[in-house]
């Protein structure tokens, strides 16, 4: 209910479907409302968790999601009709296009180098859930530079119609994630690349998204994701995939609670953290953001020296030993399981997770506001955060943060090297002289103060 109220509040004040609240609302409702309700209604939860554990997990989810939503709706009052823009002259358009091509070529080269290191294309995707195992973390993450590359190529045409060559180039840069998402049956890369193409197109064409077309585009993406998740074991090169609509429906509206289910695991993760009393108070997130990027060739014992040697061992999951999982829950979760940002923040900050969620939501709202008021590189940062937001309800805050920091930092470096000024492409909206307009209570419009 809180999510719906906050989404309605944002829509009433902004009419902007690109506000992060508008994209995240359906995901939050599904992951923290609908899906738990479906599993709870037929008693499936109680197969794996006790009633007390269930109540604790659902209570933490409700508090954290509420804090996050209140953070998202902060400072949403802007001049009426204001929207994300990207203003360029012909010379700037050329530089922006060239920068997009540079980042896109780096992404393509890293992807195919990783494919060669992993035994070749057929070896990687010749079996279900194909994986690319690169010798360097930077190589494995570099294909994500395709996202800002597509944004820059599309935005370089701001104010003019996209050419077929622009769309073709965008699809070429998107190809690593399209291939890995579809042939590897991965929901993350598939959503990221589809979201990048859709949102970048809207901003580049200068059109304000409309509910029905945007819903159709995201709905088609959701159907594709449901197909990939439900048929994951059948999708690989040379396989004979038979579409099973019943499996697709069950993957979206489950009737059985499996140990690998995101909701079940999230509740278990909350209870393990509460029972062990072990929280990281931001240190784990700090290691992921500050220590992890340092190449192991420079600092081989970086995790051990920082007190997080468990990150390199296989006998734990999210910092809790499998023995502890069995003692608290009575079962051992599958490696690689994730339970969403609410459980992740609770592991990190205990009950202060509510404040952390509020601050995180406020940070996303801040990027949206800066993208409107200043544009320029803030538009790129905002779009990067928008597409990566799928990791918030489905995986964890750390999964979002390390990817966002990686691509935004590299985008910033290349922006400075190629373009220089951070105000490049900016079109500032001056708030001075804009006064609240009398009218509907609780709704802030703005009019020009003629005396200024």
Protein backbone atom coordinates (compact mmCIF):
# COMPACT_ATOMS: atom_id res chain seq x y z
CA UNK A 1 0.00 0.00 0.00
CA UNK A 2 2.83 2.41 0.83
CA UNK A 3 4.40 1.78 -2.58
CA UNK A 4 1.13 2.56 -4.36
CA UNK A 5 0.58 5.77 -2.35
CA UNK A 6 4.15 6.98 -3.01
CA UNK A 7 3.90 6.16 -6.72
CA UNK A 8 0.61 8.09 -6.93
CA UNK A 9 2.23 11.01 -5.09
CA UNK A 10 5.14 11.09 -7.53
CA UNK A 11 2.86 10.88 -10.54
CA UNK A 12 0.67 13.69 -9.20
CA UNK A 13 3.67 15.97 -8.71
CA UNK A 14 5.88 15.11 -11.68
CA UNK A 15 3.92 13.31 -14.42
CA UNK A 16 7.28 11.74 -15.20
CA UNK A 17 7.30 8.00 -15.94
CA UNK A 18 11.09 8.05 -15.88
CA UNK A 19 11.18 8.88 -12.17
CA UNK A 20 12.78 5.86 -10.43
CA UNK A 21 9.69 5.45 -8.23
CA UNK A 22 7.55 4.81 -11.30
CA UNK A 23 9.82 2.05 -12.58
CA UNK A 24 10.49 0.47 -9.19
CA UNK A 25 6.88 0.52 -7.94
CA UNK A 26 5.74 -2.53 -10.00
CA UNK A 27 8.89 -4.45 -9.03
CA UNK A 28 8.51 -3.63 -5.34
CA UNK A 29 4.81 -4.53 -5.36
CA UNK A 30 5.58 -7.83 -7.05
CA UNK A 31 8.63 -8.87 -5.01
CA UNK A 32 7.47 -7.63 -1.60
CA UNK A 33 3.70 -7.82 -1.98
CA UNK A 34 2.25 -10.13 -4.60
CA UNK A 35 4.82 -12.92 -4.55
CA UNK A 36 4.90 -13.30 -0.73
CA UNK A 37 1.07 -13.23 -0.72
CA UNK A 38 0.89 -16.06 -3.26
CA UNK A 39 3.32 -18.21 -1.30
CA UNK A 40 1.73 -17.38 2.04
CA UNK A 41 -1.85 -17.97 0.88
CA UNK A 42 -1.29 -21.68 0.31
CA UNK A 43 0.96 -22.21 3.32
CA UNK A 44 4.08 -22.76 1.22
CA UNK A 45 6.26 -20.55 3.41
CA UNK A 46 5.75 -22.76 6.43
CA UNK A 47 7.47 -25.63 4.60
CA UNK A 48 10.80 -23.85 5.02
CA UNK A 49 10.38 -21.21 7.74
CA UNK A 50 8.57 -21.06 11.05
CA UNK A 51 5.71 -18.64 11.72
CA UNK A 52 8.02 -16.47 13.85
CA UNK A 53 10.69 -16.38 11.16
CA UNK A 54 8.09 -15.52 8.55
CA UNK A 55 6.70 -12.63 10.60
CA UNK A 56 10.17 -11.22 11.24
CA UNK A 57 11.10 -11.39 7.56
CA UNK A 58 7.88 -9.77 6.37
CA UNK A 59 8.11 -7.05 9.05
CA UNK A 60 11.67 -6.15 8.04
CA UNK A 61 10.66 -6.10 4.37
CA UNK A 62 7.77 -3.75 5.09
CA UNK A 63 9.90 -1.33 7.13
CA UNK A 64 12.80 -1.21 4.67
CA UNK A 65 10.58 -0.81 1.60
CA UNK A 66 8.68 1.99 3.38
CA UNK A 67 11.91 3.82 4.19
CA UNK A 68 13.11 3.39 0.61
CA UNK A 69 9.87 4.79 -0.85
CA UNK A 70 9.94 7.84 1.43
CA UNK A 71 13.49 8.48 0.27
CA UNK A 72 12.42 8.25 -3.39
CA UNK A 73 9.66 10.84 -3.04
CA UNK A 74 11.91 13.44 -1.43
CA UNK A 75 12.45 16.71 -3.29
CA UNK A 76 10.27 15.83 -6.25
CA UNK A 77 8.94 19.40 -6.60
CA UNK A 78 10.25 20.92 -9.81
CA UNK A 79 9.02 23.48 -12.33
CA UNK A 80 5.81 22.24 -13.92
CA UNK A 81 6.56 20.38 -17.14
CA UNK A 82 10.29 20.08 -16.43
CA UNK A 83 11.83 16.93 -17.85
CA UNK A 84 15.16 15.34 -18.62
CA UNK A 85 16.96 17.09 -21.46
CA UNK A 86 20.28 16.95 -23.27
CA UNK A 87 21.17 20.04 -25.31
CA UNK A 88 24.03 19.79 -27.85
CA UNK A 89 25.40 21.83 -30.70
CA UNK A 90 26.75 20.03 -33.83
CA UNK A 91 30.34 19.89 -32.52
CA UNK A 92 29.17 18.51 -29.18
CA UNK A 93 27.00 15.94 -30.91
CA UNK A 94 30.01 14.62 -32.79
CA UNK A 95 32.10 14.33 -29.61
CA UNK A 96 29.29 12.59 -27.76
CA UNK A 97 28.84 10.15 -30.65
CA UNK A 98 32.58 9.41 -30.73
CA UNK A 99 32.67 8.83 -26.96
CA UNK A 100 29.79 6.38 -27.29
CA UNK A 101 31.65 4.50 -30.01
CA UNK A 102 34.81 4.30 -27.86
CA UNK A 103 32.96 2.83 -24.88
CA UNK A 104 30.97 0.50 -27.13
CA UNK A 105 34.12 -0.86 -28.79
CA UNK A 106 35.70 -1.48 -25.36
CA UNK A 107 32.58 -3.39 -24.31
CA UNK A 108 32.59 -5.51 -27.46
CA UNK A 109 36.32 -6.27 -27.21
CA UNK A 110 36.02 -7.28 -23.53
CA UNK A 111 33.05 -9.56 -24.23
CA UNK A 112 34.70 -11.45 -27.08
CA UNK A 113 38.00 -11.66 -25.21
CA UNK A 114 36.12 -13.19 -22.28
CA UNK A 115 34.44 -15.62 -24.68
CA UNK A 116 37.83 -16.71 -26.05
CA UNK A 117 39.21 -17.13 -22.52
CA UNK A 118 36.22 -19.29 -21.60
CA UNK A 119 36.71 -21.77 -24.45
CA UNK A 120 34.89 -20.12 -27.32
CA UNK A 121 31.32 -19.19 -28.17
CA UNK A 122 30.06 -22.74 -28.72
CA UNK A 123 31.67 -23.99 -25.50
CA UNK A 124 30.17 -21.16 -23.44
CA UNK A 125 26.65 -21.42 -24.80
CA UNK A 126 26.64 -25.12 -25.68
CA UNK A 127 25.05 -25.93 -22.32
CA UNK A 128 22.43 -24.39 -20.02
CA UNK A 129 23.32 -21.22 -18.08
CA UNK A 130 26.48 -20.48 -20.04
CA UNK A 131 29.07 -18.53 -18.07
CA UNK A 132 32.00 -16.36 -19.08
CA UNK A 133 34.99 -16.79 -16.77
CA UNK A 134 37.54 -14.08 -17.52
CA UNK A 135 40.98 -13.88 -15.94
CA UNK A 136 40.29 -10.34 -14.72
CA UNK A 137 37.28 -8.84 -13.01
CA UNK A 138 37.69 -5.72 -15.10
CA UNK A 139 37.36 -7.77 -18.30
CA UNK A 140 34.26 -9.53 -17.00
CA UNK A 141 32.64 -6.20 -16.03
CA UNK A 142 33.79 -4.14 -19.05
CA UNK A 143 30.92 -5.31 -21.33
CA UNK A 144 28.65 -3.21 -19.12
CA UNK A 145 30.16 -0.13 -20.77
CA UNK A 146 27.80 -0.96 -23.63
CA UNK A 147 25.02 0.71 -21.64
CA UNK A 148 26.52 4.22 -21.48
CA UNK A 149 27.73 3.68 -25.06
CA UNK A 150 24.18 3.19 -26.30
CA UNK A 151 22.99 6.16 -24.27
CA UNK A 152 25.67 8.45 -25.72
CA UNK A 153 25.07 7.33 -29.31
CA UNK A 154 21.34 7.94 -28.98
CA UNK A 155 21.71 11.21 -27.05
CA UNK A 156 24.13 12.54 -29.66
CA UNK A 157 21.10 12.77 -31.94
CA UNK A 158 19.13 14.81 -29.37
CA UNK A 159 16.73 17.08 -31.17
CA UNK A 160 17.02 15.15 -34.43
CA UNK A 161 15.51 11.89 -35.60
CA UNK A 162 17.50 8.74 -34.90
CA UNK A 163 19.03 7.32 -38.04
CA UNK A 164 18.84 3.62 -38.94
CA UNK A 165 22.62 3.55 -38.54
CA UNK A 166 22.27 4.83 -34.94
CA UNK A 167 19.79 2.09 -34.10
CA UNK A 168 21.98 -0.53 -35.79
CA UNK A 169 25.04 0.65 -33.88
CA UNK A 170 23.07 0.58 -30.63
CA UNK A 171 22.06 -3.03 -31.31
CA UNK A 172 25.67 -3.95 -32.12
CA UNK A 173 26.83 -2.53 -28.78
CA UNK A 174 23.89 -4.28 -27.10
CA UNK A 175 24.75 -7.64 -28.71
CA UNK A 176 26.96 -8.95 -25.85
CA UNK A 177 24.09 -8.58 -23.39
CA UNK A 178 21.46 -9.78 -25.85
CA UNK A 179 23.50 -12.90 -26.56
CA UNK A 180 24.39 -13.58 -22.95
CA UNK A 181 20.90 -12.73 -21.73
CA UNK A 182 19.08 -14.96 -24.20
CA UNK A 183 21.54 -17.83 -24.79
CA UNK A 184 22.62 -17.79 -21.15
CA UNK A 185 19.02 -17.33 -19.94
CA UNK A 186 19.98 -14.40 -17.69
CA UNK A 187 17.30 -11.96 -16.58
CA UNK A 188 19.71 -9.21 -15.50
CA UNK A 189 21.53 -8.57 -18.80
CA UNK A 190 18.29 -8.97 -20.76
CA UNK A 191 16.43 -6.33 -18.74
CA UNK A 192 19.43 -4.00 -18.67
CA UNK A 193 19.87 -3.91 -22.41
CA UNK A 194 16.14 -3.63 -23.14
CA UNK A 195 15.78 -0.88 -20.55
CA UNK A 196 18.77 0.98 -21.98
CA UNK A 197 17.33 0.93 -25.50
CA UNK A 198 13.87 2.01 -24.34
CA UNK A 199 14.84 4.77 -21.89
CA UNK A 200 17.65 6.16 -24.06
CA UNK A 201 15.28 6.38 -27.00
CA UNK A 202 12.77 8.39 -24.96
CA UNK A 203 15.37 10.86 -23.73
CA UNK A 204 17.07 11.16 -27.12
CA UNK A 205 13.83 11.90 -28.97
CA UNK A 206 12.76 14.38 -26.30
CA UNK A 207 9.39 12.68 -25.89
CA UNK A 208 7.71 12.37 -22.53
CA UNK A 209 6.93 8.67 -22.05
CA UNK A 210 3.28 7.70 -22.19
CA UNK A 211 1.86 5.02 -19.95
CA UNK A 212 0.54 2.59 -22.56
CA UNK A 213 3.57 2.44 -24.92
CA UNK A 214 6.02 2.26 -22.02
CA UNK A 215 3.92 -0.40 -20.28
CA UNK A 216 3.78 -2.44 -23.50
CA UNK A 217 7.55 -2.25 -23.92
CA UNK A 218 8.29 -3.22 -20.33
CA UNK A 219 5.51 -5.83 -20.43
CA UNK A 220 7.07 -7.50 -23.47
CA UNK A 221 10.41 -7.48 -21.64
CA UNK A 222 8.74 -9.08 -18.60
CA UNK A 223 7.29 -11.87 -20.76
CA UNK A 224 10.73 -12.51 -22.25
CA UNK A 225 12.24 -12.65 -18.75
CA UNK A 226 9.55 -15.10 -17.62
CA UNK A 227 10.35 -17.31 -20.59
CA UNK A 228 14.09 -17.24 -19.88
CA UNK A 229 13.68 -18.02 -16.17
CA UNK A 230 11.16 -20.83 -16.65
CA UNK A 231 13.04 -22.49 -19.54
CA UNK A 232 16.57 -21.87 -18.26
CA UNK A 233 17.52 -25.54 -18.38
CA UNK A 234 16.48 -25.89 -22.03
CA UNK A 235 18.10 -22.81 -23.53
CA UNK A 236 21.50 -23.35 -25.14
CA UNK A 237 22.96 -23.75 -28.62
CA UNK A 238 21.48 -26.74 -30.41
CA UNK A 239 18.70 -27.28 -27.87
CA UNK A 240 15.11 -27.97 -28.81
CA UNK A 241 13.12 -25.53 -26.71
CA UNK A 242 9.42 -26.22 -26.28
CA UNK A 243 7.52 -23.23 -24.94
CA UNK A 244 5.57 -24.24 -21.86
CA UNK A 245 3.14 -21.47 -20.95
CA UNK A 246 2.21 -23.21 -17.69
CA UNK A 247 5.84 -23.07 -16.54
CA UNK A 248 6.01 -19.40 -17.46
CA UNK A 249 2.89 -18.62 -15.43
CA UNK A 250 4.17 -20.64 -12.46
CA UNK A 251 7.50 -18.80 -12.53
CA UNK A 252 5.69 -15.48 -12.27
CA UNK A 253 2.83 -16.58 -9.99
CA UNK A 254 4.36 -19.46 -8.00
CA UNK A 255 2.28 -22.04 -6.20
CA UNK A 256 5.24 -23.80 -4.56
CA UNK A 257 7.98 -22.26 -2.43
CA UNK A 258 11.40 -23.54 -3.40
CA UNK A 259 14.55 -23.02 -1.37
CA UNK A 260 16.04 -21.03 -4.23
CA UNK A 261 13.08 -18.66 -4.40
CA UNK A 262 14.14 -15.05 -3.87
CA UNK A 263 11.42 -14.37 -1.31
CA UNK A 264 12.12 -17.50 0.72
CA UNK A 265 15.84 -16.82 0.71
CA UNK A 266 15.36 -13.16 1.69
CA UNK A 267 13.32 -14.12 4.75
CA UNK A 268 15.91 -16.75 5.66
CA UNK A 269 18.75 -14.25 5.25
CA UNK A 270 17.04 -11.80 7.60
CA UNK A 271 16.57 -14.48 10.25
CA UNK A 272 20.14 -15.75 10.01
CA UNK A 273 21.46 -12.21 10.50
CA UNK A 274 19.13 -11.63 13.46
CA UNK A 275 19.92 -14.97 15.11
CA UNK A 276 23.69 -14.70 14.77
CA UNK A 277 23.66 -11.01 15.74
CA UNK A 278 26.37 -10.36 13.16
CA UNK A 279 25.98 -7.24 11.05
CA UNK A 280 28.65 -5.43 9.04
CA UNK A 281 27.66 -1.80 9.60
CA UNK A 282 28.73 -0.73 6.14
CA UNK A 283 32.14 -2.43 6.18
CA UNK A 284 31.14 -5.17 3.74
CA UNK A 285 29.75 -2.61 1.31
CA UNK A 286 32.93 -0.55 1.75
CA UNK A 287 35.11 -3.53 0.89
CA UNK A 288 33.01 -4.28 -2.20
CA UNK A 289 33.23 -0.68 -3.43
CA UNK A 290 36.77 0.29 -2.37
CA UNK A 291 38.84 -2.88 -1.95
CA UNK A 292 37.37 -5.15 -4.59
CA UNK A 293 38.30 -2.84 -7.53
CA UNK A 294 42.01 -3.06 -6.62
CA UNK A 295 43.59 -5.71 -8.90
CA UNK A 296 44.74 -8.79 -7.02
CA UNK A 297 48.06 -8.54 -8.89
CA UNK A 298 48.71 -5.35 -6.90
CA UNK A 299 47.22 -6.51 -3.59
CA UNK A 300 46.98 -10.34 -3.51
CA UNK A 301 45.78 -10.52 0.11
CA UNK A 302 43.35 -7.62 -0.06
CA UNK A 303 40.39 -9.53 1.42
CA UNK A 304 42.41 -11.17 4.19
CA UNK A 305 44.06 -7.85 5.13
CA UNK A 306 40.71 -6.08 5.28
CA UNK A 307 39.19 -8.79 7.47
CA UNK A 308 36.95 -10.23 4.79
CA UNK A 309 38.81 -13.37 3.86
CA UNK A 310 35.50 -15.24 3.84
CA UNK A 311 34.73 -13.60 0.48
CA UNK A 312 37.23 -15.99 -1.10
CA UNK A 313 35.98 -19.14 0.63
CA UNK A 314 33.19 -21.46 -0.47
CA UNK A 315 31.84 -22.48 2.95
CA UNK A 316 29.65 -19.40 3.43
CA UNK A 317 26.96 -17.36 1.74
CA UNK A 318 26.74 -13.57 2.20
CA UNK A 319 29.11 -13.78 5.15
CA UNK A 320 27.28 -16.50 7.09
CA UNK A 321 28.67 -20.03 7.21
CA UNK A 322 26.52 -22.81 5.84
CA UNK A 323 26.62 -24.33 9.33
CA UNK A 324 24.89 -21.21 10.65
CA UNK A 325 22.25 -21.41 7.94
CA UNK A 326 21.46 -24.99 8.95
CA UNK A 327 21.35 -24.15 12.65
CA UNK A 328 18.92 -21.27 12.17
CA UNK A 329 16.80 -22.44 9.23
CA UNK A 330 17.33 -26.19 9.16
CA UNK A 331 18.44 -26.19 5.55
CA UNK A 332 21.29 -25.00 3.37
CA UNK A 333 20.57 -22.47 0.59
CA UNK A 334 21.93 -22.80 -2.92
CA UNK A 335 25.12 -20.95 -3.78
CA UNK A 336 24.43 -17.70 -5.58
CA UNK A 337 21.01 -17.16 -4.00
CA UNK A 338 19.86 -13.59 -3.41
CA UNK A 339 16.98 -12.18 -1.42
CA UNK A 340 16.54 -8.56 -2.44
CA UNK A 341 17.74 -5.28 -0.99
CA UNK A 342 15.68 -5.36 2.24
CA UNK A 343 17.39 -8.49 3.56
CA UNK A 344 20.75 -7.27 2.27
CA UNK A 345 20.47 -3.95 4.10
CA UNK A 346 19.32 -5.71 7.27
CA UNK A 347 22.45 -7.88 7.17
CA UNK A 348 24.52 -4.74 6.76
CA UNK A 349 22.87 -2.30 9.20
CA UNK A 350 20.47 -4.31 11.41
CA UNK A 351 17.37 -2.22 12.22
CA UNK A 352 19.13 0.90 10.93
CA UNK A 353 18.46 -0.61 7.51
CA UNK A 354 15.34 1.57 7.40
CA UNK A 355 17.46 4.73 7.52
CA UNK A 356 19.94 3.27 5.02
CA UNK A 357 17.07 2.47 2.64
CA UNK A 358 15.73 6.03 3.02
CA UNK A 359 19.18 7.44 2.21
CA UNK A 360 19.57 5.16 -0.78
CA UNK A 361 16.16 6.12 -2.16
CA UNK A 362 17.01 9.77 -1.64
CA UNK A 363 20.22 9.25 -3.61
CA UNK A 364 18.29 7.89 -6.60
CA UNK A 365 15.86 10.80 -6.38
CA UNK A 366 18.84 13.18 -6.26
CA UNK A 367 20.19 11.77 -9.55
CA UNK A 368 16.77 12.21 -11.17
CA UNK A 369 16.58 15.81 -9.97
CA UNK A 370 20.11 16.62 -11.18
CA UNK A 371 19.37 15.06 -14.57
CA UNK A 372 16.48 17.50 -14.98
CA UNK A 373 18.06 20.61 -13.49
CA UNK A 374 21.58 20.30 -14.97
CA UNK A 375 21.41 17.58 -17.64
CA UNK A 376 24.86 16.85 -19.15
CA UNK A 377 26.68 13.95 -17.56
CA UNK A 378 24.00 13.81 -14.86
CA UNK A 379 21.62 12.49 -17.49
CA UNK A 380 24.01 9.61 -18.15
CA UNK A 381 24.46 8.90 -14.44
CA UNK A 382 20.71 8.90 -13.92
CA UNK A 383 20.00 6.55 -16.83
CA UNK A 384 22.73 4.21 -15.60
CA UNK A 385 21.12 4.10 -12.16
CA UNK A 386 17.66 3.64 -13.69
CA UNK A 387 18.50 0.53 -15.70
CA UNK A 388 20.55 -1.00 -12.88
CA UNK A 389 17.65 -0.55 -10.45
CA UNK A 390 16.36 -4.03 -11.35
CA UNK A 391 19.06 -5.36 -9.01
CA UNK A 392 17.53 -3.53 -6.03
CA UNK A 393 14.44 -5.69 -5.46
CA UNK A 394 15.79 -8.84 -7.12
CA UNK A 395 19.35 -9.08 -5.75
CA UNK A 396 20.94 -6.61 -3.35
CA UNK A 397 22.16 -3.07 -2.76
CA UNK A 398 25.75 -4.23 -3.24
CA UNK A 399 24.87 -5.79 -6.61
CA UNK A 400 23.52 -2.42 -7.70
CA UNK A 401 26.26 -0.29 -6.17
CA UNK A 402 29.35 -2.06 -7.48
CA UNK A 403 27.98 -2.06 -11.03
CA UNK A 404 26.86 1.56 -10.83
CA UNK A 405 30.17 2.75 -9.40
CA UNK A 406 32.09 0.80 -12.04
CA UNK A 407 30.31 2.09 -15.13
CA UNK A 408 29.72 5.62 -13.84
CA UNK A 409 33.37 6.03 -12.79
CA UNK A 410 34.66 4.86 -16.17
CA UNK A 411 32.06 6.99 -17.95
CA UNK A 412 33.28 10.00 -15.95
CA UNK A 413 36.95 9.30 -16.75
CA UNK A 414 36.37 8.98 -20.50
CA UNK A 415 34.03 11.97 -20.44
CA UNK A 416 36.79 14.10 -18.92
CA UNK A 417 39.41 12.79 -21.36
CA UNK A 418 37.30 13.14 -24.48
CA UNK A 419 35.04 16.09 -23.66
CA UNK A 420 36.45 17.83 -20.60
CA UNK A 421 33.73 19.96 -19.07
CA UNK A 422 31.14 18.25 -16.89
CA UNK A 423 28.64 20.91 -18.02
CA UNK A 424 28.91 19.62 -21.58
CA UNK A 425 25.39 18.95 -22.84
CA UNK A 426 23.85 20.77 -19.90
CA UNK A 427 20.72 22.84 -20.02
CA UNK A 428 20.22 24.26 -16.55
CA UNK A 429 16.77 25.09 -15.26
CA UNK A 430 16.97 28.10 -12.98
CA UNK A 431 14.73 27.81 -9.94
CA UNK A 432 15.20 31.46 -9.02
CA UNK A 433 12.16 33.44 -10.01
CA UNK A 434 9.89 30.40 -9.97
CA UNK A 435 7.25 30.73 -7.30
CA UNK A 436 4.63 28.22 -6.18
CA UNK A 437 1.38 28.76 -8.00
CA UNK A 438 -1.79 29.07 -5.97
CA UNK A 439 -4.29 26.38 -6.71
CA UNK A 440 -4.73 22.78 -5.77
CA UNK A 441 -3.70 22.15 -2.14
CA UNK A 442 -0.80 19.75 -1.80
CA UNK A 443 0.22 20.07 -5.42
CA UNK A 444 3.06 22.39 -6.33
CA UNK A 445 2.99 23.99 -9.71
CA UNK A 446 5.21 26.85 -10.67
CA UNK A 447 4.69 30.13 -12.46
CA UNK A 448 7.13 32.75 -13.58
CA UNK A 449 7.62 35.61 -11.14
CA UNK A 450 7.43 38.60 -13.50
CA UNK A 451 9.27 40.87 -11.10
CA UNK A 452 12.50 38.89 -11.31
